[in-house]
């Protein structure tokens, strides 16, 4: 809870996900409606504290795969939410990979979480 007594918003991550916390982590962006966003995600990862390397490995269909090397103990998702200029949701995750879905279109960003659809 915040100091005002209002409950803090829950993170947009499913409780059943195992989030990567370091090492070699594969970041998959799916669906990818605009290929240029693959480079935007890669650049954000490369400029994220605790990420030592980010390299676009593959563009296939409507997805992009980016290989990263992350310092142990770094929360890649939290760090990426601060750097990426596009809101996203985590759709799948394991100890060595995370799949994110970017908000479409690029408007509607609120605190790094994709805006609700169907409004």
C-alpha atoms as a PDB file:
ATOM      1  CA  UNK A   1       0.000   0.000   0.000  1.00  0.00           C
ATOM      2  CA  UNK A   2       1.110   3.528  -0.655  1.00  0.00           C
ATOM      3  CA  UNK A   3       1.320   6.179   2.047  1.00  0.00           C
ATOM      4  CA  UNK A   4      -2.100   7.496   1.026  1.00  0.00           C
ATOM      5  CA  UNK A   5      -3.744   4.185   1.967  1.00  0.00           C
ATOM      6  CA  UNK A   6      -4.509   3.330  -1.646  1.00  0.00           C
ATOM      7  CA  UNK A   7      -3.379  -0.169  -2.646  1.00  0.00           C
ATOM      8  CA  UNK A   8      -0.450  -0.207  -5.060  1.00  0.00           C
ATOM      9  CA  UNK A   9      -1.395  -1.449  -8.541  1.00  0.00           C
ATOM     10  CA  UNK A  10      -0.543  -5.071  -9.225  1.00  0.00           C
ATOM     11  CA  UNK A  11       2.183  -5.682 -11.807  1.00  0.00           C
ATOM     12  CA  UNK A  12       1.035  -6.814 -15.244  1.00  0.00           C
ATOM     13  CA  UNK A  13       2.769 -10.179 -14.879  1.00  0.00           C
ATOM     14  CA  UNK A  14       0.984 -13.481 -14.354  1.00  0.00           C
ATOM     15  CA  UNK A  15       1.793 -14.967 -10.924  1.00  0.00           C
ATOM     16  CA  UNK A  16       2.577 -18.324 -12.556  1.00  0.00           C
ATOM     17  CA  UNK A  17       5.445 -16.875 -14.602  1.00  0.00           C
ATOM     18  CA  UNK A  18       9.031 -17.587 -13.660  1.00  0.00           C
ATOM     19  CA  UNK A  19      10.852 -14.371 -14.459  1.00  0.00           C
ATOM     20  CA  UNK A  20      14.476 -14.418 -15.621  1.00  0.00           C
ATOM     21  CA  UNK A  21      16.873 -12.876 -13.103  1.00  0.00           C
ATOM     22  CA  UNK A  22      20.180 -13.035 -14.933  1.00  0.00           C
ATOM     23  CA  UNK A  23      22.397 -14.939 -17.314  1.00  0.00           C
ATOM     24  CA  UNK A  24      21.580 -15.503 -20.966  1.00  0.00           C
ATOM     25  CA  UNK A  25      17.973 -14.479 -21.548  1.00  0.00           C
ATOM     26  CA  UNK A  26      16.054 -14.721 -24.815  1.00  0.00           C
ATOM     27  CA  UNK A  27      13.535 -11.896 -25.292  1.00  0.00           C
ATOM     28  CA  UNK A  28      10.793 -12.694 -27.799  1.00  0.00           C
ATOM     29  CA  UNK A  29       8.555  -9.913 -29.105  1.00  0.00           C
ATOM     30  CA  UNK A  30       5.259 -11.311 -30.408  1.00  0.00           C
ATOM     31  CA  UNK A  31       3.170 -10.181 -32.164  1.00  0.00           C
ATOM     32  CA  UNK A  32       5.402  -7.730 -33.985  1.00  0.00           C
ATOM     33  CA  UNK A  33       3.191  -5.522 -36.151  1.00  0.00           C
ATOM     34  CA  UNK A  34       6.002  -3.138 -37.112  1.00  0.00           C
ATOM     35  CA  UNK A  35       9.463  -4.551 -37.827  1.00  0.00           C
ATOM     36  CA  UNK A  36      11.141  -1.303 -36.770  1.00  0.00           C
ATOM     37  CA  UNK A  37       9.949  -1.968 -33.199  1.00  0.00           C
ATOM     38  CA  UNK A  38      12.356  -4.921 -33.014  1.00  0.00           C
ATOM     39  CA  UNK A  39      15.246  -2.433 -33.114  1.00  0.00           C
ATOM     40  CA  UNK A  40      13.485  -0.190 -30.587  1.00  0.00           C
ATOM     41  CA  UNK A  41      13.300  -3.115 -28.143  1.00  0.00           C
ATOM     42  CA  UNK A  42      16.897  -4.138 -28.898  1.00  0.00           C
ATOM     43  CA  UNK A  43      18.124  -0.571 -28.281  1.00  0.00           C
ATOM     44  CA  UNK A  44      16.156  -0.298 -25.033  1.00  0.00           C
ATOM     45  CA  UNK A  45      17.648  -3.585 -23.837  1.00  0.00           C
ATOM     46  CA  UNK A  46      21.165  -2.503 -24.821  1.00  0.00           C
ATOM     47  CA  UNK A  47      20.715   0.695 -22.796  1.00  0.00           C
ATOM     48  CA  UNK A  48      19.244  -1.039 -19.745  1.00  0.00           C
ATOM     49  CA  UNK A  49      21.391  -1.113 -16.617  1.00  0.00           C
ATOM     50  CA  UNK A  50      22.517  -4.658 -15.898  1.00  0.00           C
ATOM     51  CA  UNK A  51      22.186  -5.811 -19.520  1.00  0.00           C
ATOM     52  CA  UNK A  52      25.668  -6.455 -20.886  1.00  0.00           C
ATOM     53  CA  UNK A  53      24.665  -7.444 -24.399  1.00  0.00           C
ATOM     54  CA  UNK A  54      21.555  -7.329 -26.580  1.00  0.00           C
ATOM     55  CA  UNK A  55      21.579  -8.708 -30.114  1.00  0.00           C
ATOM     56  CA  UNK A  56      18.702  -9.177 -32.547  1.00  0.00           C
ATOM     57  CA  UNK A  57      19.004 -12.839 -33.527  1.00  0.00           C
ATOM     58  CA  UNK A  58      15.935 -13.484 -35.642  1.00  0.00           C
ATOM     59  CA  UNK A  59      12.953 -11.921 -37.373  1.00  0.00           C
ATOM     60  CA  UNK A  60      10.393 -14.537 -38.294  1.00  0.00           C
ATOM     61  CA  UNK A  61       6.788 -13.956 -39.271  1.00  0.00           C
ATOM     62  CA  UNK A  62       5.285 -11.675 -36.641  1.00  0.00           C
ATOM     63  CA  UNK A  63       8.006 -12.122 -34.027  1.00  0.00           C
ATOM     64  CA  UNK A  64      11.542 -11.048 -33.182  1.00  0.00           C
ATOM     65  CA  UNK A  65      14.053 -12.832 -30.957  1.00  0.00           C
ATOM     66  CA  UNK A  66      16.701 -10.826 -29.103  1.00  0.00           C
ATOM     67  CA  UNK A  67      19.501 -12.561 -27.201  1.00  0.00           C
ATOM     68  CA  UNK A  68      20.669 -10.792 -24.054  1.00  0.00           C
ATOM     69  CA  UNK A  69      23.260 -11.285 -21.330  1.00  0.00           C
ATOM     70  CA  UNK A  70      21.958  -9.990 -18.010  1.00  0.00           C
ATOM     71  CA  UNK A  71      23.754  -9.532 -14.690  1.00  0.00           C
ATOM     72  CA  UNK A  72      22.584 -11.900 -11.935  1.00  0.00           C
ATOM     73  CA  UNK A  73      19.830 -10.446  -9.782  1.00  0.00           C
ATOM     74  CA  UNK A  74      18.707  -7.903 -12.389  1.00  0.00           C
ATOM     75  CA  UNK A  75      14.956  -7.796 -12.972  1.00  0.00           C
ATOM     76  CA  UNK A  76      14.918  -7.578 -16.754  1.00  0.00           C
ATOM     77  CA  UNK A  77      11.180  -6.842 -16.956  1.00  0.00           C
ATOM     78  CA  UNK A  78      11.254  -4.000 -14.422  1.00  0.00           C
ATOM     79  CA  UNK A  79      14.331  -2.502 -16.044  1.00  0.00           C
ATOM     80  CA  UNK A  80      12.856  -2.782 -19.539  1.00  0.00           C
ATOM     81  CA  UNK A  81       9.631  -1.076 -18.413  1.00  0.00           C
ATOM     82  CA  UNK A  82      11.709   1.975 -17.435  1.00  0.00           C
ATOM     83  CA  UNK A  83      13.622   2.119 -20.750  1.00  0.00           C
ATOM     84  CA  UNK A  84      11.237   0.970 -23.467  1.00  0.00           C
ATOM     85  CA  UNK A  85       9.153   3.838 -24.919  1.00  0.00           C
ATOM     86  CA  UNK A  86       6.376   1.375 -25.802  1.00  0.00           C
ATOM     87  CA  UNK A  87       4.121  -0.259 -23.222  1.00  0.00           C
ATOM     88  CA  UNK A  88       4.099  -4.068 -23.110  1.00  0.00           C
ATOM     89  CA  UNK A  89       2.651  -7.077 -21.354  1.00  0.00           C
ATOM     90  CA  UNK A  90       4.491 -10.277 -20.481  1.00  0.00           C
ATOM     91  CA  UNK A  91       2.703 -13.193 -22.161  1.00  0.00           C
ATOM     92  CA  UNK A  92       5.135 -16.045 -21.411  1.00  0.00           C
ATOM     93  CA  UNK A  93       8.211 -16.432 -19.251  1.00  0.00           C
ATOM     94  CA  UNK A  94      10.718 -18.972 -17.942  1.00  0.00           C
ATOM     95  CA  UNK A  95      14.103 -18.831 -16.223  1.00  0.00           C
ATOM     96  CA  UNK A  96      15.864 -18.143 -19.552  1.00  0.00           C
ATOM     97  CA  UNK A  97      13.280 -16.450 -21.778  1.00  0.00           C
ATOM     98  CA  UNK A  98      10.483 -13.927 -21.744  1.00  0.00           C
ATOM     99  CA  UNK A  99       7.864 -13.177 -24.387  1.00  0.00           C
ATOM    100  CA  UNK A 100       6.390  -9.693 -24.509  1.00  0.00           C
ATOM    101  CA  UNK A 101       3.487  -8.225 -26.478  1.00  0.00           C
ATOM    102  CA  UNK A 102       3.899  -4.559 -27.360  1.00  0.00           C
ATOM    103  CA  UNK A 103       0.938  -2.217 -27.095  1.00  0.00           C
ATOM    104  CA  UNK A 104      -0.553  -1.475 -30.492  1.00  0.00           C
ATOM    105  CA  UNK A 105      -0.564   1.293 -31.588  1.00  0.00           C
ATOM    106  CA  UNK A 106       2.220   3.132 -29.747  1.00  0.00           C
ATOM    107  CA  UNK A 107      -0.172   5.424 -27.822  1.00  0.00           C
ATOM    108  CA  UNK A 108      -1.822   4.692 -24.493  1.00  0.00           C
ATOM    109  CA  UNK A 109       1.243   4.093 -22.340  1.00  0.00           C
ATOM    110  CA  UNK A 110       0.574   4.221 -18.613  1.00  0.00           C
ATOM    111  CA  UNK A 111       3.424   3.254 -16.275  1.00  0.00           C
ATOM    112  CA  UNK A 112       4.943   0.776 -18.722  1.00  0.00           C
ATOM    113  CA  UNK A 113       1.802  -1.364 -18.893  1.00  0.00           C
ATOM    114  CA  UNK A 114      -0.156  -1.771 -22.106  1.00  0.00           C
ATOM    115  CA  UNK A 115      -3.428   0.157 -22.166  1.00  0.00           C
ATOM    116  CA  UNK A 116      -6.591  -1.930 -21.877  1.00  0.00           C
ATOM    117  CA  UNK A 117      -8.169  -2.847 -25.177  1.00  0.00           C
ATOM    118  CA  UNK A 118     -11.804  -2.593 -26.169  1.00  0.00           C
ATOM    119  CA  UNK A 119     -12.464   0.822 -24.660  1.00  0.00           C
END
